[in-house]
Amino acid sequence: MDDRKFFEGVKARPGLYGIEGSYRNTVIFLTGFNEARSGGLLRGFTEWMVVRKGESSSFGWQALVLDEALPHAEGWGWSKLHNSNSQKEKEAVRLLLSLLHEFLTMRDDVMTLARMYGKYHSLHSQTEGSGGA
């Protein structure tokens, strides 16, 4: 079974994998799965999230997804969960799994992946060139 099909199943039945409703548990699950795959599952996911956002960031995918899922929540990255309710957290989990599926589709197309890394490099170079961090 390929990664996309597997995570379609995870998205359809998250409780079966022990992640229903908990963003932290979902991140832990994905991190463990990624480690079991020697880092191959999520390689490029942070860079893809940065390119989607269109601006350089020092956050990892975990925080970038939360920033997108909870745009009006106070704080940055993980701190956005402090004041969220369970429904908002479930929405963040759904968004994470949807973004992962979208990423895996892009990752499996070599030319699209190369273009993404080119855009990421360009964003990173602009930040370095302007003296930003």
N, C-alpha and C. Protein backbone atom coordinates (compact mmCIF):
# COMPACT_ATOMS: atom_id res chain seq x y z
N MET A 1 0.85 -1.18 0.00
CA MET A 1 0.00 0.00 0.00
C MET A 1 0.89 1.24 0.00
N ASP A 2 0.56 2.21 -0.84
CA ASP A 2 1.36 3.42 -0.87
C ASP A 2 0.96 4.36 0.28
N ASP A 3 1.80 5.35 0.51
CA ASP A 3 1.59 6.27 1.63
C ASP A 3 0.25 7.00 1.56
N ARG A 4 -0.10 7.47 0.38
CA ARG A 4 -1.37 8.21 0.25
C ARG A 4 -2.56 7.35 0.61
N LYS A 5 -2.59 6.13 0.13
CA LYS A 5 -3.71 5.24 0.45
C LYS A 5 -3.76 4.93 1.94
N PHE A 6 -2.59 4.71 2.52
CA PHE A 6 -2.54 4.44 3.96
C PHE A 6 -3.13 5.62 4.74
N PHE A 7 -2.72 6.84 4.41
CA PHE A 7 -3.20 7.99 5.16
C PHE A 7 -4.62 8.39 4.81
N GLU A 8 -5.13 7.96 3.67
CA GLU A 8 -6.57 8.10 3.41
C GLU A 8 -7.33 7.28 4.44
N GLY A 9 -6.83 6.08 4.74
CA GLY A 9 -7.44 5.23 5.76
C GLY A 9 -7.33 5.83 7.14
N VAL A 10 -6.19 6.44 7.44
CA VAL A 10 -6.00 7.10 8.73
C VAL A 10 -6.99 8.25 8.87
N LYS A 11 -7.12 9.03 7.80
CA LYS A 11 -8.05 10.18 7.83
C LYS A 11 -9.49 9.71 7.98
N ALA A 12 -9.85 8.61 7.33
CA ALA A 12 -11.21 8.09 7.39
C ALA A 12 -11.54 7.50 8.76
N ARG A 13 -10.53 6.90 9.43
CA ARG A 13 -10.77 6.23 10.72
C ARG A 13 -9.64 6.54 11.71
N PRO A 14 -9.51 7.82 12.09
CA PRO A 14 -8.39 8.20 12.97
C PRO A 14 -8.42 7.51 14.33
N GLY A 15 -9.59 7.20 14.84
CA GLY A 15 -9.68 6.53 16.14
C GLY A 15 -9.03 5.17 16.14
N LEU A 16 -9.03 4.51 14.99
CA LEU A 16 -8.39 3.22 14.85
C LEU A 16 -6.89 3.30 15.10
N TYR A 17 -6.33 4.49 14.88
CA TYR A 17 -4.89 4.71 15.04
C TYR A 17 -4.56 5.48 16.32
N GLY A 18 -5.57 5.71 17.14
CA GLY A 18 -5.36 6.38 18.43
C GLY A 18 -5.12 7.87 18.34
N ILE A 19 -5.60 8.49 17.28
CA ILE A 19 -5.31 9.93 17.11
C ILE A 19 -6.56 10.80 17.02
N GLU A 20 -7.71 10.24 17.21
CA GLU A 20 -8.94 11.02 17.03
C GLU A 20 -8.99 12.23 17.96
N GLY A 21 -9.02 13.39 17.33
CA GLY A 21 -9.23 14.63 18.07
C GLY A 21 -8.02 15.25 18.70
N SER A 22 -6.92 14.56 18.80
CA SER A 22 -5.74 15.12 19.46
C SER A 22 -4.66 15.46 18.44
N TYR A 23 -4.36 16.75 18.34
CA TYR A 23 -3.31 17.18 17.42
C TYR A 23 -1.96 16.62 17.86
N ARG A 24 -1.69 16.70 19.16
CA ARG A 24 -0.41 16.18 19.67
C ARG A 24 -0.25 14.69 19.36
N ASN A 25 -1.30 13.91 19.59
CA ASN A 25 -1.23 12.48 19.30
C ASN A 25 -1.04 12.21 17.81
N THR A 26 -1.64 13.04 16.98
CA THR A 26 -1.48 12.90 15.54
C THR A 26 -0.04 13.19 15.14
N VAL A 27 0.53 14.24 15.70
CA VAL A 27 1.93 14.59 15.42
C VAL A 27 2.85 13.46 15.90
N ILE A 28 2.58 12.93 17.08
CA ILE A 28 3.39 11.83 17.61
C ILE A 28 3.29 10.61 16.69
N PHE A 29 2.08 10.30 16.25
CA PHE A 29 1.86 9.17 15.34
C PHE A 29 2.65 9.37 14.04
N LEU A 30 2.53 10.56 13.45
CA LEU A 30 3.22 10.83 12.19
C LEU A 30 4.73 10.83 12.36
N THR A 31 5.20 11.37 13.47
CA THR A 31 6.64 11.38 13.73
C THR A 31 7.16 9.95 13.88
N GLY A 32 6.43 9.12 14.59
CA GLY A 32 6.82 7.72 14.74
C GLY A 32 6.80 6.98 13.41
N PHE A 33 5.76 7.21 12.62
CA PHE A 33 5.66 6.58 11.31
C PHE A 33 6.81 7.04 10.43
N ASN A 34 7.13 8.33 10.50
CA ASN A 34 8.23 8.88 9.73
C ASN A 34 9.56 8.24 10.15
N GLU A 35 9.76 8.07 11.44
CA GLU A 35 10.98 7.42 11.93
C GLU A 35 11.06 5.98 11.45
N ALA A 36 9.94 5.29 11.46
CA ALA A 36 9.92 3.91 10.97
C ALA A 36 10.27 3.84 9.49
N ARG A 37 10.03 4.91 8.78
CA ARG A 37 10.35 4.99 7.35
C ARG A 37 11.69 5.68 7.11
N SER A 38 12.52 5.76 8.15
CA SER A 38 13.85 6.38 8.08
C SER A 38 13.79 7.83 7.61
N GLY A 39 12.74 8.52 8.00
CA GLY A 39 12.59 9.93 7.66
C GLY A 39 12.04 10.20 6.27
N GLY A 40 11.71 9.17 5.55
CA GLY A 40 11.28 9.33 4.17
C GLY A 40 9.86 9.82 3.97
N LEU A 41 9.00 9.60 4.95
CA LEU A 41 7.61 10.01 4.77
C LEU A 41 7.48 11.53 4.73
N LEU A 42 8.07 12.21 5.67
CA LEU A 42 7.86 13.65 5.83
C LEU A 42 9.00 14.51 5.29
N ARG A 43 9.98 13.88 4.64
CA ARG A 43 11.08 14.65 4.08
C ARG A 43 10.52 15.64 3.06
N GLY A 44 10.71 16.91 3.32
CA GLY A 44 10.21 17.95 2.44
C GLY A 44 8.89 18.56 2.87
N PHE A 45 8.24 18.00 3.88
CA PHE A 45 6.93 18.50 4.30
C PHE A 45 7.02 19.93 4.85
N THR A 46 8.02 20.20 5.67
CA THR A 46 8.19 21.56 6.20
C THR A 46 8.45 22.54 5.06
N GLU A 47 9.33 22.17 4.14
CA GLU A 47 9.65 23.05 3.02
C GLU A 47 8.41 23.31 2.16
N TRP A 48 7.62 22.27 1.96
CA TRP A 48 6.39 22.42 1.18
C TRP A 48 5.41 23.37 1.88
N MET A 49 5.30 23.23 3.21
CA MET A 49 4.42 24.12 3.97
C MET A 49 4.90 25.57 3.87
N VAL A 50 6.20 25.79 3.90
CA VAL A 50 6.76 27.15 3.76
C VAL A 50 6.42 27.70 2.38
N VAL A 51 6.60 26.90 1.34
CA VAL A 51 6.28 27.34 -0.02
C VAL A 51 4.80 27.65 -0.14
N ARG A 52 3.94 26.83 0.46
CA ARG A 52 2.49 27.08 0.43
C ARG A 52 2.17 28.44 1.05
N LYS A 53 2.85 28.72 2.16
CA LYS A 53 2.62 29.99 2.87
C LYS A 53 3.19 31.16 2.09
N GLY A 54 4.26 30.93 1.35
CA GLY A 54 4.84 31.97 0.51
C GLY A 54 5.81 32.88 1.24
N GLU A 55 6.23 32.47 2.42
CA GLU A 55 7.22 33.27 3.15
C GLU A 55 8.09 32.35 4.00
N SER A 56 9.33 32.73 4.13
CA SER A 56 10.28 31.92 4.89
C SER A 56 9.84 31.84 6.36
N SER A 57 10.13 30.72 6.98
CA SER A 57 9.75 30.51 8.38
C SER A 57 10.76 29.57 9.02
N SER A 58 10.97 29.75 10.30
CA SER A 58 11.84 28.84 11.04
C SER A 58 11.03 27.75 11.75
N PHE A 59 9.71 27.80 11.63
CA PHE A 59 8.86 26.78 12.25
C PHE A 59 8.92 25.48 11.47
N GLY A 60 8.69 24.38 12.17
CA GLY A 60 8.54 23.08 11.54
C GLY A 60 7.10 22.89 11.09
N TRP A 61 6.85 21.81 10.37
CA TRP A 61 5.51 21.55 9.84
C TRP A 61 4.46 21.50 10.93
N GLN A 62 4.83 21.00 12.11
CA GLN A 62 3.88 20.87 13.21
C GLN A 62 3.25 22.22 13.56
N ALA A 63 4.09 23.25 13.67
CA ALA A 63 3.61 24.58 14.00
C ALA A 63 2.99 25.28 12.79
N LEU A 64 3.54 25.07 11.60
CA LEU A 64 2.99 25.70 10.40
C LEU A 64 1.56 25.26 10.14
N VAL A 65 1.27 23.98 10.37
CA VAL A 65 -0.09 23.49 10.19
C VAL A 65 -1.02 24.16 11.21
N LEU A 66 -0.57 24.26 12.45
CA LEU A 66 -1.40 24.92 13.47
C LEU A 66 -1.66 26.37 13.12
N ASP A 67 -0.66 27.07 12.61
CA ASP A 67 -0.87 28.46 12.22
C ASP A 67 -1.92 28.59 11.13
N GLU A 68 -1.97 27.62 10.23
CA GLU A 68 -2.98 27.64 9.18
C GLU A 68 -4.34 27.21 9.71
N ALA A 69 -4.35 26.21 10.59
CA ALA A 69 -5.61 25.67 11.11
C ALA A 69 -6.29 26.62 12.09
N LEU A 70 -5.49 27.35 12.85
CA LEU A 70 -6.02 28.24 13.90
C LEU A 70 -5.49 29.66 13.70
N PRO A 71 -5.86 30.29 12.58
CA PRO A 71 -5.27 31.60 12.26
C PRO A 71 -5.62 32.70 13.25
N HIS A 72 -6.75 32.57 13.94
CA HIS A 72 -7.18 33.63 14.86
C HIS A 72 -6.83 33.33 16.30
N ALA A 73 -6.25 32.16 16.55
CA ALA A 73 -5.87 31.80 17.92
C ALA A 73 -4.63 32.60 18.31
N GLU A 74 -4.60 32.98 19.55
CA GLU A 74 -3.49 33.77 20.06
C GLU A 74 -2.24 32.91 20.16
N GLY A 75 -1.10 33.51 19.90
CA GLY A 75 0.17 32.82 20.06
C GLY A 75 0.74 32.35 18.73
N TRP A 76 1.85 31.62 18.85
CA TRP A 76 2.56 31.09 17.69
C TRP A 76 2.70 29.58 17.83
N GLY A 77 2.59 28.87 16.73
CA GLY A 77 2.86 27.44 16.73
C GLY A 77 2.07 26.70 17.78
N TRP A 78 2.77 25.87 18.57
CA TRP A 78 2.13 25.01 19.56
C TRP A 78 1.32 25.77 20.59
N SER A 79 1.71 27.01 20.89
CA SER A 79 0.97 27.77 21.91
C SER A 79 -0.46 28.07 21.47
N LYS A 80 -0.76 27.96 20.18
CA LYS A 80 -2.12 28.17 19.70
C LYS A 80 -3.10 27.14 20.27
N LEU A 81 -2.59 25.99 20.69
CA LEU A 81 -3.46 24.95 21.25
C LEU A 81 -3.93 25.27 22.66
N HIS A 82 -3.23 26.14 23.37
CA HIS A 82 -3.56 26.42 24.77
C HIS A 82 -4.99 26.92 24.96
N ASN A 83 -5.47 27.73 24.04
CA ASN A 83 -6.81 28.31 24.19
C ASN A 83 -7.82 27.75 23.20
N SER A 84 -7.48 26.63 22.56
CA SER A 84 -8.42 26.07 21.58
C SER A 84 -9.31 25.02 22.25
N ASN A 85 -10.47 24.82 21.66
CA ASN A 85 -11.37 23.79 22.17
C ASN A 85 -11.18 22.50 21.38
N SER A 86 -11.84 21.45 21.81
CA SER A 86 -11.64 20.15 21.17
C SER A 86 -12.07 20.15 19.71
N GLN A 87 -13.11 20.92 19.37
CA GLN A 87 -13.56 20.99 17.98
C GLN A 87 -12.49 21.63 17.10
N LYS A 88 -11.87 22.68 17.59
CA LYS A 88 -10.80 23.35 16.83
C LYS A 88 -9.61 22.40 16.65
N GLU A 89 -9.32 21.64 17.70
CA GLU A 89 -8.20 20.70 17.61
C GLU A 89 -8.52 19.60 16.60
N LYS A 90 -9.76 19.12 16.57
CA LYS A 90 -10.17 18.12 15.58
C LYS A 90 -10.04 18.68 14.17
N GLU A 91 -10.39 19.95 13.99
CA GLU A 91 -10.25 20.59 12.68
C GLU A 91 -8.77 20.66 12.28
N ALA A 92 -7.90 20.93 13.26
CA ALA A 92 -6.46 20.97 12.99
C ALA A 92 -5.96 19.59 12.55
N VAL A 93 -6.47 18.54 13.18
CA VAL A 93 -6.09 17.17 12.80
C VAL A 93 -6.56 16.88 11.38
N ARG A 94 -7.80 17.24 11.06
CA ARG A 94 -8.31 17.01 9.71
C ARG A 94 -7.48 17.77 8.67
N LEU A 95 -7.14 19.02 9.00
CA LEU A 95 -6.33 19.81 8.08
C LEU A 95 -4.95 19.16 7.91
N LEU A 96 -4.33 18.75 9.00
CA LEU A 96 -3.02 18.11 8.92
C LEU A 96 -3.06 16.90 8.00
N LEU A 97 -4.05 16.05 8.18
CA LEU A 97 -4.13 14.83 7.35
C LEU A 97 -4.44 15.17 5.89
N SER A 98 -5.23 16.21 5.65
CA SER A 98 -5.49 16.66 4.27
C SER A 98 -4.23 17.22 3.63
N LEU A 99 -3.51 18.04 4.40
CA LEU A 99 -2.27 18.60 3.88
C LEU A 99 -1.24 17.51 3.61
N LEU A 100 -1.19 16.53 4.47
CA LEU A 100 -0.26 15.42 4.27
C LEU A 100 -0.59 14.69 2.97
N HIS A 101 -1.85 14.45 2.72
CA HIS A 101 -2.26 13.78 1.48
C HIS A 101 -1.85 14.63 0.27
N GLU A 102 -2.11 15.92 0.34
CA GLU A 102 -1.75 16.83 -0.75
C GLU A 102 -0.23 16.82 -0.96
N PHE A 103 0.52 16.87 0.15
CA PHE A 103 1.98 16.84 0.08
C PHE A 103 2.46 15.54 -0.56
N LEU A 104 1.92 14.41 -0.13
CA LEU A 104 2.37 13.12 -0.66
C LEU A 104 2.10 13.02 -2.16
N THR A 105 1.01 13.59 -2.62
CA THR A 105 0.71 13.63 -4.06
C THR A 105 1.79 14.42 -4.79
N MET A 106 2.16 15.59 -4.23
CA MET A 106 3.19 16.42 -4.83
C MET A 106 4.55 15.71 -4.75
N ARG A 107 4.86 15.11 -3.60
CA ARG A 107 6.15 14.47 -3.37
C ARG A 107 6.41 13.34 -4.36
N ASP A 108 5.37 12.65 -4.77
CA ASP A 108 5.52 11.51 -5.65
C ASP A 108 5.70 11.89 -7.12
N ASP A 109 5.61 13.17 -7.43
CA ASP A 109 5.86 13.67 -8.79
C ASP A 109 7.23 14.37 -8.77
N VAL A 110 8.23 13.74 -9.36
CA VAL A 110 9.61 14.22 -9.26
C VAL A 110 9.76 15.66 -9.74
N MET A 111 9.14 16.02 -10.84
CA MET A 111 9.30 17.38 -11.37
C MET A 111 8.61 18.41 -10.48
N THR A 112 7.45 18.07 -9.97
CA THR A 112 6.74 18.97 -9.05
C THR A 112 7.54 19.14 -7.77
N LEU A 113 8.12 18.07 -7.29
CA LEU A 113 8.96 18.12 -6.09
C LEU A 113 10.17 19.01 -6.33
N ALA A 114 10.81 18.88 -7.49
CA ALA A 114 11.98 19.71 -7.82
C ALA A 114 11.59 21.19 -7.88
N ARG A 115 10.44 21.49 -8.48
CA ARG A 115 9.97 22.89 -8.54
C ARG A 115 9.71 23.43 -7.14
N MET A 116 9.13 22.60 -6.27
CA MET A 116 8.86 23.03 -4.90
C MET A 116 10.15 23.40 -4.19
N TYR A 117 11.18 22.53 -4.32
CA TYR A 117 12.46 22.83 -3.68
C TYR A 117 13.09 24.09 -4.27
N GLY A 118 12.91 24.31 -5.56
CA GLY A 118 13.42 25.53 -6.18
C GLY A 118 12.75 26.77 -5.58
N LYS A 119 11.44 26.70 -5.41
CA LYS A 119 10.71 27.82 -4.79
C LYS A 119 11.15 28.01 -3.34
N TYR A 120 11.35 26.91 -2.64
CA TYR A 120 11.81 27.00 -1.24
C TYR A 120 13.18 27.67 -1.19
N HIS A 121 14.08 27.25 -2.06
CA HIS A 121 15.42 27.85 -2.10
C HIS A 121 15.33 29.34 -2.39
N SER A 122 14.45 29.72 -3.30
CA SER A 122 14.28 31.13 -3.64
C SER A 122 13.77 31.93 -2.43
N LEU A 123 12.79 31.40 -1.73
CA LEU A 123 12.28 32.08 -0.52
C LEU A 123 13.37 32.21 0.53
N HIS A 124 14.13 31.15 0.73
CA HIS A 124 15.20 31.14 1.72
C HIS A 124 16.30 32.14 1.32
N SER A 125 16.63 32.20 0.03
CA SER A 125 17.66 33.12 -0.46
C SER A 125 17.22 34.57 -0.30
N GLN A 126 15.94 34.85 -0.53
CA GLN A 126 15.43 36.22 -0.36
C GLN A 126 15.56 36.65 1.09
N THR A 127 15.28 35.75 2.02
CA THR A 127 15.37 36.06 3.44
C THR A 127 16.82 36.34 3.82
N GLU A 128 17.74 35.50 3.33
CA GLU A 128 19.16 35.70 3.62
C GLU A 128 19.66 37.00 3.02
N GLY A 129 19.22 37.29 1.80
CA GLY A 129 19.65 38.49 1.11
C GLY A 129 19.17 39.77 1.74
N SER A 130 18.03 39.72 2.44
CA SER A 130 17.48 40.93 3.05
C SER A 130 17.98 41.12 4.49
N GLY A 131 18.78 40.15 4.97
CA GLY A 131 19.29 40.26 6.33
C GLY A 131 18.31 39.76 7.36
N GLY A 132 17.17 39.16 6.92
CA GLY A 132 16.17 38.64 7.84
C GLY A 132 16.57 37.28 8.35
N ALA A 133 15.79 36.82 9.34
CA ALA A 133 16.09 35.49 9.90
C ALA A 133 15.01 34.52 9.58
